[in-house]
PDB file of N, CA and C in Angstrom:
ATOM      1  N   UNK A   1      -7.311 -40.496 -38.202  1.00  0.00           N
ATOM      2  CA  UNK A   1      -7.641 -40.684 -36.842  1.00  0.00           C
ATOM      3  C   UNK A   1      -8.940 -40.010 -36.534  1.00  0.00           C
ATOM      4  N   UNK A   2      -9.423 -40.117 -35.294  1.00  0.00           N
ATOM      5  CA  UNK A   2     -10.743 -39.696 -34.850  1.00  0.00           C
ATOM      6  C   UNK A   2     -10.628 -38.199 -34.538  1.00  0.00           C
ATOM      7  N   UNK A   3     -11.613 -37.504 -34.959  1.00  0.00           N
ATOM      8  CA  UNK A   3     -11.645 -35.999 -34.733  1.00  0.00           C
ATOM      9  C   UNK A   3     -12.434 -35.643 -33.542  1.00  0.00           C
ATOM     10  N   UNK A   4     -13.048 -36.630 -32.730  1.00  0.00           N
ATOM     11  CA  UNK A   4     -13.810 -36.393 -31.538  1.00  0.00           C
ATOM     12  C   UNK A   4     -12.835 -36.552 -30.402  1.00  0.00           C
ATOM     13  N   UNK A   5     -13.013 -35.702 -29.448  1.00  0.00           N
ATOM     14  CA  UNK A   5     -12.172 -35.831 -28.223  1.00  0.00           C
ATOM     15  C   UNK A   5     -12.946 -35.737 -26.887  1.00  0.00           C
ATOM     16  N   UNK A   6     -14.225 -35.737 -26.895  1.00  0.00           N
ATOM     17  CA  UNK A   6     -14.895 -35.744 -25.670  1.00  0.00           C
ATOM     18  C   UNK A   6     -14.525 -36.890 -24.698  1.00  0.00           C
ATOM     19  N   UNK A   7     -14.572 -38.202 -25.201  1.00  0.00           N
ATOM     20  CA  UNK A   7     -14.251 -39.200 -24.373  1.00  0.00           C
ATOM     21  C   UNK A   7     -12.736 -39.204 -24.018  1.00  0.00           C
ATOM     22  N   UNK A   8     -11.836 -38.858 -24.818  1.00  0.00           N
ATOM     23  CA  UNK A   8     -10.485 -38.689 -24.446  1.00  0.00           C
ATOM     24  C   UNK A   8     -10.293 -37.675 -23.212  1.00  0.00           C
ATOM     25  N   UNK A   9     -11.062 -36.572 -23.339  1.00  0.00           N
ATOM     26  CA  UNK A   9     -10.949 -35.466 -22.324  1.00  0.00           C
ATOM     27  C   UNK A   9     -11.403 -36.034 -20.959  1.00  0.00           C
ATOM     28  N   UNK A  10     -12.611 -36.791 -21.022  1.00  0.00           N
ATOM     29  CA  UNK A  10     -13.130 -37.355 -19.778  1.00  0.00           C
ATOM     30  C   UNK A  10     -12.110 -38.309 -19.135  1.00  0.00           C
ATOM     31  N   UNK A  11     -11.624 -39.191 -19.987  1.00  0.00           N
ATOM     32  CA  UNK A  11     -10.621 -40.139 -19.350  1.00  0.00           C
ATOM     33  C   UNK A  11      -9.365 -39.404 -18.848  1.00  0.00           C
ATOM     34  N   UNK A  12      -8.899 -38.429 -19.514  1.00  0.00           N
ATOM     35  CA  UNK A  12      -7.666 -37.662 -19.108  1.00  0.00           C
ATOM     36  C   UNK A  12      -8.112 -37.012 -17.672  1.00  0.00           C
ATOM     37  N   UNK A  13      -9.298 -36.422 -17.579  1.00  0.00           N
ATOM     38  CA  UNK A  13      -9.631 -35.720 -16.409  1.00  0.00           C
ATOM     39  C   UNK A  13      -9.735 -36.766 -15.236  1.00  0.00           C
ATOM     40  N   UNK A  14     -10.239 -37.939 -15.397  1.00  0.00           N
ATOM     41  CA  UNK A  14     -10.325 -38.990 -14.435  1.00  0.00           C
ATOM     42  C   UNK A  14      -8.891 -39.456 -13.994  1.00  0.00           C
ATOM     43  N   UNK A  15      -8.076 -39.661 -15.041  1.00  0.00           N
ATOM     44  CA  UNK A  15      -6.771 -40.192 -14.726  1.00  0.00           C
ATOM     45  C   UNK A  15      -5.957 -39.082 -13.954  1.00  0.00           C
ATOM     46  N   UNK A  16      -6.036 -37.869 -14.344  1.00  0.00           N
ATOM     47  CA  UNK A  16      -5.322 -36.753 -13.617  1.00  0.00           C
ATOM     48  C   UNK A  16      -5.760 -36.706 -12.226  1.00  0.00           C
ATOM     49  N   UNK A  17      -7.114 -36.794 -12.032  1.00  0.00           N
ATOM     50  CA  UNK A  17      -7.694 -36.703 -10.684  1.00  0.00           C
ATOM     51  C   UNK A  17      -7.335 -37.958  -9.880  1.00  0.00           C
ATOM     52  N   UNK A  18      -6.974 -39.050 -10.516  1.00  0.00           N
ATOM     53  CA  UNK A  18      -6.593 -40.317  -9.850  1.00  0.00           C
ATOM     54  C   UNK A  18      -5.053 -40.222  -9.512  1.00  0.00           C
ATOM     55  N   UNK A  19      -4.388 -39.190  -9.966  1.00  0.00           N
ATOM     56  CA  UNK A  19      -2.952 -39.009  -9.644  1.00  0.00           C
ATOM     57  C   UNK A  19      -1.957 -39.459 -10.709  1.00  0.00           C
ATOM     58  N   UNK A  20      -2.550 -39.777 -11.892  1.00  0.00           N
ATOM     59  CA  UNK A  20      -1.701 -40.109 -13.054  1.00  0.00           C
ATOM     60  C   UNK A  20      -1.331 -38.957 -13.888  1.00  0.00           C
ATOM     61  N   UNK A  21      -0.080 -39.019 -14.347  1.00  0.00           N
ATOM     62  CA  UNK A  21       0.461 -37.982 -15.315  1.00  0.00           C
ATOM     63  C   UNK A  21      -0.008 -38.450 -16.710  1.00  0.00           C
ATOM     64  N   UNK A  22      -0.575 -37.429 -17.450  1.00  0.00           N
ATOM     65  CA  UNK A  22      -1.030 -37.845 -18.805  1.00  0.00           C
ATOM     66  C   UNK A  22      -0.376 -36.859 -19.851  1.00  0.00           C
ATOM     67  N   UNK A  23       0.004 -37.486 -20.975  1.00  0.00           N
ATOM     68  CA  UNK A  23       0.458 -36.734 -22.061  1.00  0.00           C
ATOM     69  C   UNK A  23      -0.548 -36.758 -23.076  1.00  0.00           C
ATOM     70  N   UNK A  24      -1.267 -35.586 -23.337  1.00  0.00           N
ATOM     71  CA  UNK A  24      -2.417 -35.497 -24.201  1.00  0.00           C
ATOM     72  C   UNK A  24      -1.926 -35.040 -25.571  1.00  0.00           C
ATOM     73  N   UNK A  25      -1.885 -35.960 -26.564  1.00  0.00           N
ATOM     74  CA  UNK A  25      -1.452 -35.580 -27.876  1.00  0.00           C
ATOM     75  C   UNK A  25      -2.548 -34.991 -28.805  1.00  0.00           C
ATOM     76  N   UNK A  26      -3.660 -34.987 -28.235  1.00  0.00           N
ATOM     77  CA  UNK A  26      -4.810 -34.279 -29.033  1.00  0.00           C
ATOM     78  C   UNK A  26      -5.651 -35.395 -29.799  1.00  0.00           C
ATOM     79  N   UNK A  27      -6.207 -34.925 -30.843  1.00  0.00           N
ATOM     80  CA  UNK A  27      -7.125 -35.733 -31.675  1.00  0.00           C
ATOM     81  C   UNK A  27      -6.484 -35.935 -33.133  1.00  0.00           C
ATOM     82  N   UNK A  28      -6.884 -36.978 -33.746  1.00  0.00           N
ATOM     83  CA  UNK A  28      -6.448 -37.192 -35.197  1.00  0.00           C
ATOM     84  C   UNK A  28      -4.889 -37.185 -35.257  1.00  0.00           C
ATOM     85  N   UNK A  29      -4.269 -37.927 -34.318  1.00  0.00           N
ATOM     86  CA  UNK A  29      -2.747 -37.866 -34.194  1.00  0.00           C
ATOM     87  C   UNK A  29      -2.109 -38.885 -35.037  1.00  0.00           C
ATOM     88  N   UNK A  30      -1.082 -38.619 -35.824  1.00  0.00           N
ATOM     89  CA  UNK A  30      -0.384 -39.600 -36.617  1.00  0.00           C
ATOM     90  C   UNK A  30       0.083 -40.631 -35.775  1.00  0.00           C
ATOM     91  N   UNK A  31       0.126 -41.870 -36.296  1.00  0.00           N
ATOM     92  CA  UNK A  31       0.703 -43.027 -35.543  1.00  0.00           C
ATOM     93  C   UNK A  31       2.125 -42.912 -35.189  1.00  0.00           C
ATOM     94  N   UNK A  32       2.965 -42.329 -36.092  1.00  0.00           N
ATOM     95  CA  UNK A  32       4.298 -42.130 -35.737  1.00  0.00           C
ATOM     96  C   UNK A  32       4.586 -41.193 -34.619  1.00  0.00           C
ATOM     97  N   UNK A  33       3.707 -40.219 -34.473  1.00  0.00           N
ATOM     98  CA  UNK A  33       3.885 -39.313 -33.310  1.00  0.00           C
ATOM     99  C   UNK A  33       3.481 -40.024 -32.024  1.00  0.00           C
ATOM    100  N   UNK A  34       2.465 -40.883 -32.006  1.00  0.00           N
ATOM    101  CA  UNK A  34       2.161 -41.686 -30.820  1.00  0.00           C
ATOM    102  C   UNK A  34       3.216 -42.542 -30.407  1.00  0.00           C
ATOM    103  N   UNK A  35       3.808 -43.389 -31.344  1.00  0.00           N
ATOM    104  CA  UNK A  35       4.907 -44.276 -31.080  1.00  0.00           C
ATOM    105  C   UNK A  35       6.157 -43.543 -30.619  1.00  0.00           C
ATOM    106  N   UNK A  36       6.553 -42.501 -31.319  1.00  0.00           N
ATOM    107  CA  UNK A  36       7.751 -41.795 -30.927  1.00  0.00           C
ATOM    108  C   UNK A  36       7.638 -41.106 -29.611  1.00  0.00           C
ATOM    109  N   UNK A  37       6.511 -40.544 -29.299  1.00  0.00           N
ATOM    110  CA  UNK A  37       6.305 -39.918 -27.934  1.00  0.00           C
ATOM    111  C   UNK A  37       6.309 -40.982 -26.743  1.00  0.00           C
ATOM    112  N   UNK A  38       5.719 -42.112 -27.112  1.00  0.00           N
ATOM    113  CA  UNK A  38       5.658 -43.221 -26.092  1.00  0.00           C
ATOM    114  C   UNK A  38       7.143 -43.607 -25.767  1.00  0.00           C
ATOM    115  N   UNK A  39       8.002 -43.771 -26.864  1.00  0.00           N
ATOM    116  CA  UNK A  39       9.358 -44.091 -26.586  1.00  0.00           C
ATOM    117  C   UNK A  39      10.167 -42.979 -25.887  1.00  0.00           C
ATOM    118  N   UNK A  40      10.068 -41.800 -26.485  1.00  0.00           N
ATOM    119  CA  UNK A  40      10.826 -40.584 -25.889  1.00  0.00           C
ATOM    120  C   UNK A  40      10.488 -40.351 -24.467  1.00  0.00           C
ATOM    121  N   UNK A  41       9.183 -40.444 -24.091  1.00  0.00           N
ATOM    122  CA  UNK A  41       8.755 -40.130 -22.735  1.00  0.00           C
ATOM    123  C   UNK A  41       8.756 -41.340 -21.769  1.00  0.00           C
ATOM    124  N   UNK A  42       9.021 -42.500 -22.401  1.00  0.00           N
ATOM    125  CA  UNK A  42       9.067 -43.732 -21.651  1.00  0.00           C
ATOM    126  C   UNK A  42       7.878 -43.977 -20.838  1.00  0.00           C
ATOM    127  N   UNK A  43       6.737 -43.859 -21.592  1.00  0.00           N
ATOM    128  CA  UNK A  43       5.402 -44.016 -21.025  1.00  0.00           C
ATOM    129  C   UNK A  43       5.145 -45.565 -20.610  1.00  0.00           C
ATOM    130  N   UNK A  44       4.399 -45.655 -19.669  1.00  0.00           N
ATOM    131  CA  UNK A  44       3.908 -47.096 -19.415  1.00  0.00           C
ATOM    132  C   UNK A  44       2.713 -47.622 -19.955  1.00  0.00           C
ATOM    133  N   UNK A  45       1.725 -46.686 -20.382  1.00  0.00           N
ATOM    134  CA  UNK A  45       0.594 -47.006 -21.048  1.00  0.00           C
ATOM    135  C   UNK A  45       0.265 -45.996 -22.131  1.00  0.00           C
ATOM    136  N   UNK A  46      -0.226 -46.563 -23.198  1.00  0.00           N
ATOM    137  CA  UNK A  46      -0.779 -45.806 -24.253  1.00  0.00           C
ATOM    138  C   UNK A  46      -2.322 -46.151 -24.346  1.00  0.00           C
ATOM    139  N   UNK A  47      -3.015 -44.992 -24.228  1.00  0.00           N
ATOM    140  CA  UNK A  47      -4.491 -45.090 -24.265  1.00  0.00           C
ATOM    141  C   UNK A  47      -5.034 -44.474 -25.511  1.00  0.00           C
ATOM    142  N   UNK A  48      -5.916 -45.190 -26.174  1.00  0.00           N
ATOM    143  CA  UNK A  48      -6.475 -44.776 -27.371  1.00  0.00           C
ATOM    144  C   UNK A  48      -8.016 -44.805 -27.442  1.00  0.00           C
ATOM    145  N   UNK A  49      -8.575 -43.810 -27.870  1.00  0.00           N
ATOM    146  CA  UNK A  49     -10.038 -43.733 -27.871  1.00  0.00           C
ATOM    147  C   UNK A  49     -10.553 -43.401 -29.307  1.00  0.00           C
ATOM    148  N   UNK A  50     -11.688 -43.939 -29.635  1.00  0.00           N
ATOM    149  CA  UNK A  50     -12.369 -43.674 -30.876  1.00  0.00           C
ATOM    150  C   UNK A  50     -13.890 -43.638 -30.673  1.00  0.00           C
ATOM    151  N   UNK A  51     -14.495 -42.803 -31.475  1.00  0.00           N
ATOM    152  CA  UNK A  51     -15.948 -42.702 -31.420  1.00  0.00           C
ATOM    153  C   UNK A  51     -16.602 -43.248 -32.700  1.00  0.00           C
ATOM    154  N   UNK A  52     -15.626 -43.334 -33.754  1.00  0.00           N
ATOM    155  CA  UNK A  52     -16.069 -43.756 -35.127  1.00  0.00           C
ATOM    156  C   UNK A  52     -15.530 -45.082 -35.509  1.00  0.00           C
ATOM    157  N   UNK A  53     -16.412 -45.906 -36.106  1.00  0.00           N
ATOM    158  CA  UNK A  53     -15.868 -47.257 -36.559  1.00  0.00           C
ATOM    159  C   UNK A  53     -14.764 -47.122 -37.570  1.00  0.00           C
ATOM    160  N   UNK A  54     -14.768 -46.181 -38.527  1.00  0.00           N
ATOM    161  CA  UNK A  54     -13.727 -46.128 -39.544  1.00  0.00           C
ATOM    162  C   UNK A  54     -12.287 -45.872 -38.971  1.00  0.00           C
ATOM    163  N   UNK A  55     -12.240 -45.321 -37.783  1.00  0.00           N
ATOM    164  CA  UNK A  55     -10.913 -45.041 -37.216  1.00  0.00           C
ATOM    165  C   UNK A  55     -10.416 -46.098 -36.393  1.00  0.00           C
ATOM    166  N   UNK A  56     -11.153 -47.192 -36.188  1.00  0.00           N
ATOM    167  CA  UNK A  56     -10.625 -48.322 -35.281  1.00  0.00           C
ATOM    168  C   UNK A  56      -9.403 -49.033 -35.869  1.00  0.00           C
ATOM    169  N   UNK A  57      -9.253 -49.001 -37.221  1.00  0.00           N
ATOM    170  CA  UNK A  57      -8.058 -49.528 -37.816  1.00  0.00           C
ATOM    171  C   UNK A  57      -6.839 -48.767 -37.352  1.00  0.00           C
ATOM    172  N   UNK A  58      -6.961 -47.510 -37.028  1.00  0.00           N
ATOM    173  CA  UNK A  58      -5.836 -46.803 -36.592  1.00  0.00           C
ATOM    174  C   UNK A  58      -5.329 -47.256 -35.221  1.00  0.00           C
ATOM    175  N   UNK A  59      -6.163 -47.895 -34.480  1.00  0.00           N
ATOM    176  CA  UNK A  59      -5.711 -48.402 -33.139  1.00  0.00           C
ATOM    177  C   UNK A  59      -4.822 -49.641 -33.289  1.00  0.00           C
ATOM    178  N   UNK A  60      -5.200 -50.452 -34.291  1.00  0.00           N
ATOM    179  CA  UNK A  60      -4.295 -51.591 -34.641  1.00  0.00           C
ATOM    180  C   UNK A  60      -2.984 -51.096 -35.260  1.00  0.00           C
ATOM    181  N   UNK A  61      -3.029 -50.086 -36.023  1.00  0.00           N
ATOM    182  CA  UNK A  61      -1.867 -49.564 -36.555  1.00  0.00           C
ATOM    183  C   UNK A  61      -0.888 -48.972 -35.535  1.00  0.00           C
ATOM    184  N   UNK A  62      -1.418 -48.452 -34.470  1.00  0.00           N
ATOM    185  CA  UNK A  62      -0.661 -47.922 -33.319  1.00  0.00           C
ATOM    186  C   UNK A  62       0.064 -49.148 -32.623  1.00  0.00           C
ATOM    187  N   UNK A  63      -0.719 -50.182 -32.324  1.00  0.00           N
ATOM    188  CA  UNK A  63      -0.165 -51.442 -31.700  1.00  0.00           C
ATOM    189  C   UNK A  63       0.905 -51.972 -32.603  1.00  0.00           C
ATOM    190  N   UNK A  64       0.677 -52.069 -33.935  1.00  0.00           N
ATOM    191  CA  UNK A  64       1.706 -52.605 -34.930  1.00  0.00           C
ATOM    192  C   UNK A  64       2.980 -51.651 -34.942  1.00  0.00           C
ATOM    193  N   UNK A  65       2.686 -50.408 -34.773  1.00  0.00           N
ATOM    194  CA  UNK A  65       3.869 -49.480 -34.766  1.00  0.00           C
ATOM    195  C   UNK A  65       4.691 -49.537 -33.514  1.00  0.00           C
ATOM    196  N   UNK A  66       4.026 -49.861 -32.381  1.00  0.00           N
ATOM    197  CA  UNK A  66       4.834 -50.163 -31.121  1.00  0.00           C
ATOM    198  C   UNK A  66       5.588 -51.437 -31.282  1.00  0.00           C
ATOM    199  N   UNK A  67       4.972 -52.501 -31.926  1.00  0.00           N
ATOM    200  CA  UNK A  67       5.730 -53.697 -32.097  1.00  0.00           C
ATOM    201  C   UNK A  67       6.904 -53.427 -32.949  1.00  0.00           C
ATOM    202  N   UNK A  68       6.659 -52.766 -34.123  1.00  0.00           N
ATOM    203  CA  UNK A  68       7.800 -52.537 -35.065  1.00  0.00           C
ATOM    204  C   UNK A  68       8.902 -51.793 -34.457  1.00  0.00           C
ATOM    205  N   UNK A  69       8.567 -50.842 -33.618  1.00  0.00           N
ATOM    206  CA  UNK A  69       9.659 -50.003 -32.948  1.00  0.00           C
ATOM    207  C   UNK A  69      10.369 -50.742 -31.941  1.00  0.00           C
ATOM    208  N   UNK A  70       9.841 -51.909 -31.410  1.00  0.00           N
ATOM    209  CA  UNK A  70      10.429 -52.629 -30.313  1.00  0.00           C
ATOM    210  C   UNK A  70       9.990 -52.107 -28.964  1.00  0.00           C
ATOM    211  N   UNK A  71       9.056 -51.170 -28.907  1.00  0.00           N
ATOM    212  CA  UNK A  71       8.654 -50.651 -27.652  1.00  0.00           C
ATOM    213  C   UNK A  71       7.412 -51.331 -27.058  1.00  0.00           C
ATOM    214  N   UNK A  72       6.698 -52.155 -27.747  1.00  0.00           N
ATOM    215  CA  UNK A  72       5.517 -52.781 -27.416  1.00  0.00           C
ATOM    216  C   UNK A  72       5.676 -53.607 -26.053  1.00  0.00           C
ATOM    217  N   UNK A  73       6.779 -54.254 -25.849  1.00  0.00           N
ATOM    218  CA  UNK A  73       6.950 -55.083 -24.672  1.00  0.00           C
ATOM    219  C   UNK A  73       7.123 -54.243 -23.462  1.00  0.00           C
ATOM    220  N   UNK A  74       7.335 -52.934 -23.570  1.00  0.00           N
ATOM    221  CA  UNK A  74       7.623 -51.973 -22.517  1.00  0.00           C
ATOM    222  C   UNK A  74       6.295 -51.187 -22.115  1.00  0.00           C
ATOM    223  N   UNK A  75       5.228 -51.370 -22.871  1.00  0.00           N
ATOM    224  CA  UNK A  75       4.110 -50.493 -22.675  1.00  0.00           C
ATOM    225  C   UNK A  75       2.732 -51.341 -22.673  1.00  0.00           C
ATOM    226  N   UNK A  76       1.816 -50.930 -21.938  1.00  0.00           N
ATOM    227  CA  UNK A  76       0.445 -51.466 -22.028  1.00  0.00           C
ATOM    228  C   UNK A  76      -0.324 -50.571 -22.883  1.00  0.00           C
ATOM    229  N   UNK A  77      -1.306 -51.229 -23.629  1.00  0.00           N
ATOM    230  CA  UNK A  77      -2.154 -50.487 -24.467  1.00  0.00           C
ATOM    231  C   UNK A  77      -3.551 -50.753 -24.073  1.00  0.00           C
ATOM    232  N   UNK A  78      -4.300 -49.596 -23.847  1.00  0.00           N
ATOM    233  CA  UNK A  78      -5.705 -49.775 -23.519  1.00  0.00           C
ATOM    234  C   UNK A  78      -6.510 -48.894 -24.599  1.00  0.00           C
ATOM    235  N   UNK A  79      -7.676 -49.473 -24.933  1.00  0.00           N
ATOM    236  CA  UNK A  79      -8.500 -48.714 -25.963  1.00  0.00           C
ATOM    237  C   UNK A  79      -9.828 -48.557 -25.363  1.00  0.00           C
ATOM    238  N   UNK A  80     -10.659 -47.584 -25.894  1.00  0.00           N
ATOM    239  CA  UNK A  80     -11.958 -47.401 -25.411  1.00  0.00           C
ATOM    240  C   UNK A  80     -12.692 -46.553 -26.571  1.00  0.00           C
ATOM    241  N   UNK A  81     -13.974 -46.523 -26.375  1.00  0.00           N
ATOM    242  CA  UNK A  81     -14.910 -45.836 -27.308  1.00  0.00           C
ATOM    243  C   UNK A  81     -15.995 -46.806 -27.688  1.00  0.00           C
ATOM    244  N   UNK A  82     -17.128 -46.123 -27.973  1.00  0.00           N
ATOM    245  CA  UNK A  82     -18.317 -46.975 -28.334  1.00  0.00           C
ATOM    246  C   UNK A  82     -18.254 -48.176 -29.323  1.00  0.00           C
ATOM    247  N   UNK A  83     -17.449 -47.920 -30.391  1.00  0.00           N
ATOM    248  CA  UNK A  83     -17.489 -49.115 -31.315  1.00  0.00           C
ATOM    249  C   UNK A  83     -16.490 -50.232 -30.955  1.00  0.00           C
ATOM    250  N   UNK A  84     -15.697 -50.010 -29.837  1.00  0.00           N
ATOM    251  CA  UNK A  84     -14.680 -51.003 -29.467  1.00  0.00           C
ATOM    252  C   UNK A  84     -15.305 -52.113 -28.510  1.00  0.00           C
ATOM    253  N   UNK A  85     -14.625 -53.197 -28.316  1.00  0.00           N
ATOM    254  CA  UNK A  85     -15.143 -54.230 -27.475  1.00  0.00           C
ATOM    255  C   UNK A  85     -13.896 -55.003 -26.955  1.00  0.00           C
ATOM    256  N   UNK A  86     -14.041 -55.835 -25.919  1.00  0.00           N
ATOM    257  CA  UNK A  86     -12.934 -56.639 -25.470  1.00  0.00           C
ATOM    258  C   UNK A  86     -12.387 -57.561 -26.519  1.00  0.00           C
ATOM    259  N   UNK A  87     -13.244 -58.048 -27.403  1.00  0.00           N
ATOM    260  CA  UNK A  87     -12.840 -59.035 -28.489  1.00  0.00           C
ATOM    261  C   UNK A  87     -11.940 -58.188 -29.435  1.00  0.00           C
ATOM    262  N   UNK A  88     -12.340 -56.933 -29.765  1.00  0.00           N
ATOM    263  CA  UNK A  88     -11.565 -56.014 -30.704  1.00  0.00           C
ATOM    264  C   UNK A  88     -10.226 -55.861 -30.041  1.00  0.00           C
ATOM    265  N   UNK A  89     -10.201 -55.523 -28.758  1.00  0.00           N
ATOM    266  CA  UNK A  89      -8.927 -55.227 -28.126  1.00  0.00           C
ATOM    267  C   UNK A  89      -7.994 -56.461 -28.198  1.00  0.00           C
ATOM    268  N   UNK A  90      -8.552 -57.689 -28.105  1.00  0.00           N
ATOM    269  CA  UNK A  90      -7.691 -58.860 -28.122  1.00  0.00           C
ATOM    270  C   UNK A  90      -7.262 -59.108 -29.567  1.00  0.00           C
ATOM    271  N   UNK A  91      -8.175 -58.838 -30.539  1.00  0.00           N
ATOM    272  CA  UNK A  91      -7.828 -58.970 -31.968  1.00  0.00           C
ATOM    273  C   UNK A  91      -6.666 -58.164 -32.344  1.00  0.00           C
ATOM    274  N   UNK A  92      -6.587 -56.894 -31.873  1.00  0.00           N
ATOM    275  CA  UNK A  92      -5.508 -55.976 -32.282  1.00  0.00           C
ATOM    276  C   UNK A  92      -4.329 -56.035 -31.442  1.00  0.00           C
ATOM    277  N   UNK A  93      -4.291 -56.765 -30.421  1.00  0.00           N
ATOM    278  CA  UNK A  93      -3.159 -56.870 -29.479  1.00  0.00           C
ATOM    279  C   UNK A  93      -3.045 -55.901 -28.400  1.00  0.00           C
ATOM    280  N   UNK A  94      -4.186 -55.231 -28.081  1.00  0.00           N
ATOM    281  CA  UNK A  94      -4.313 -54.308 -26.943  1.00  0.00           C
ATOM    282  C   UNK A  94      -4.393 -55.168 -25.713  1.00  0.00           C
ATOM    283  N   UNK A  95      -4.031 -54.566 -24.595  1.00  0.00           N
ATOM    284  CA  UNK A  95      -4.060 -55.229 -23.283  1.00  0.00           C
ATOM    285  C   UNK A  95      -5.357 -55.118 -22.606  1.00  0.00           C
ATOM    286  N   UNK A  96      -6.153 -54.029 -22.929  1.00  0.00           N
ATOM    287  CA  UNK A  96      -7.437 -53.897 -22.290  1.00  0.00           C
ATOM    288  C   UNK A  96      -8.366 -53.057 -23.133  1.00  0.00           C
ATOM    289  N   UNK A  97      -9.611 -53.193 -22.812  1.00  0.00           N
ATOM    290  CA  UNK A  97     -10.697 -52.301 -23.388  1.00  0.00           C
ATOM    291  C   UNK A  97     -11.432 -51.650 -22.229  1.00  0.00           C
ATOM    292  N   UNK A  98     -11.374 -50.358 -22.179  1.00  0.00           N
ATOM    293  CA  UNK A  98     -12.163 -49.665 -21.122  1.00  0.00           C
ATOM    294  C   UNK A  98     -13.628 -49.449 -21.524  1.00  0.00           C
ATOM    295  N   UNK A  99     -14.585 -49.686 -20.636  1.00  0.00           N
ATOM    296  CA  UNK A  99     -15.924 -49.425 -20.981  1.00  0.00           C
ATOM    297  C   UNK A  99     -16.320 -48.009 -20.555  1.00  0.00           C
ATOM    298  N   UNK A 100     -15.620 -47.451 -19.667  1.00  0.00           N
ATOM    299  CA  UNK A 100     -15.777 -46.048 -19.195  1.00  0.00           C
ATOM    300  C   UNK A 100     -14.534 -45.500 -18.593  1.00  0.00           C
ATOM    301  N   UNK A 101     -14.543 -44.220 -18.209  1.00  0.00           N
ATOM    302  CA  UNK A 101     -13.329 -43.564 -17.561  1.00  0.00           C
ATOM    303  C   UNK A 101     -13.052 -44.226 -16.297  1.00  0.00           C
ATOM    304  N   UNK A 102     -13.975 -44.611 -15.491  1.00  0.00           N
ATOM    305  CA  UNK A 102     -13.743 -45.246 -14.127  1.00  0.00           C
ATOM    306  C   UNK A 102     -13.054 -46.554 -14.412  1.00  0.00           C
ATOM    307  N   UNK A 103     -13.433 -47.325 -15.335  1.00  0.00           N
ATOM    308  CA  UNK A 103     -12.852 -48.612 -15.617  1.00  0.00           C
ATOM    309  C   UNK A 103     -11.389 -48.450 -16.069  1.00  0.00           C
ATOM    310  N   UNK A 104     -11.084 -47.419 -16.811  1.00  0.00           N
ATOM    311  CA  UNK A 104      -9.689 -47.078 -17.097  1.00  0.00           C
ATOM    312  C   UNK A 104      -8.851 -46.914 -15.864  1.00  0.00           C
ATOM    313  N   UNK A 105      -9.341 -46.044 -14.888  1.00  0.00           N
ATOM    314  CA  UNK A 105      -8.506 -45.818 -13.691  1.00  0.00           C
ATOM    315  C   UNK A 105      -8.338 -47.133 -12.892  1.00  0.00           C
ATOM    316  N   UNK A 106      -9.470 -47.846 -12.786  1.00  0.00           N
ATOM    317  CA  UNK A 106      -9.382 -49.128 -11.995  1.00  0.00           C
ATOM    318  C   UNK A 106      -8.420 -50.082 -12.610  1.00  0.00           C
ATOM    319  N   UNK A 107      -8.411 -50.203 -14.010  1.00  0.00           N
ATOM    320  CA  UNK A 107      -7.615 -51.067 -14.690  1.00  0.00           C
ATOM    321  C   UNK A 107      -6.110 -50.713 -14.444  1.00  0.00           C
ATOM    322  N   UNK A 108      -5.833 -49.350 -14.535  1.00  0.00           N
ATOM    323  CA  UNK A 108      -4.486 -48.903 -14.402  1.00  0.00           C
ATOM    324  C   UNK A 108      -3.875 -49.205 -13.030  1.00  0.00           C
ATOM    325  N   UNK A 109      -4.744 -49.062 -12.020  1.00  0.00           N
ATOM    326  CA  UNK A 109      -4.284 -49.368 -10.611  1.00  0.00           C
ATOM    327  C   UNK A 109      -3.718 -50.779 -10.549  1.00  0.00           C
ATOM    328  N   UNK A 110      -4.275 -51.711 -11.282  1.00  0.00           N
ATOM    329  CA  UNK A 110      -3.878 -53.144 -11.266  1.00  0.00           C
ATOM    330  C   UNK A 110      -2.738 -53.346 -12.319  1.00  0.00           C
ATOM    331  N   UNK A 111      -2.650 -52.650 -13.394  1.00  0.00           N
ATOM    332  CA  UNK A 111      -1.891 -53.000 -14.552  1.00  0.00           C
ATOM    333  C   UNK A 111      -0.439 -52.397 -14.457  1.00  0.00           C
ATOM    334  N   UNK A 112      -0.455 -51.304 -13.761  1.00  0.00           N
ATOM    335  CA  UNK A 112       0.916 -50.571 -13.796  1.00  0.00           C
ATOM    336  C   UNK A 112       1.482 -50.438 -12.309  1.00  0.00           C
TER     337      UNK A 112
END
């Protein structure tokens, strides 16, 4: 997983200020922990961020893990970070790609 957390922290701050409850699992989080926490806490959205191209595969692995667990149909997945794109989001089965923290908040207001 990605070891950078600046983008994640900015998005979390914006979401919290927007009235959303956030569970911050940190950085470089195992896929199993993301999936199990989503299920246990009954989250509506899983947000993933990356700064490095090599960790983009992990985003697909999270989506696949949610599918395998049977929880994917109950949760929206949004991704963000410089190497991501709307086309990549579609390719991996994510619901949305955020271009910045404000975009994430605006999308959530419509999606959830």
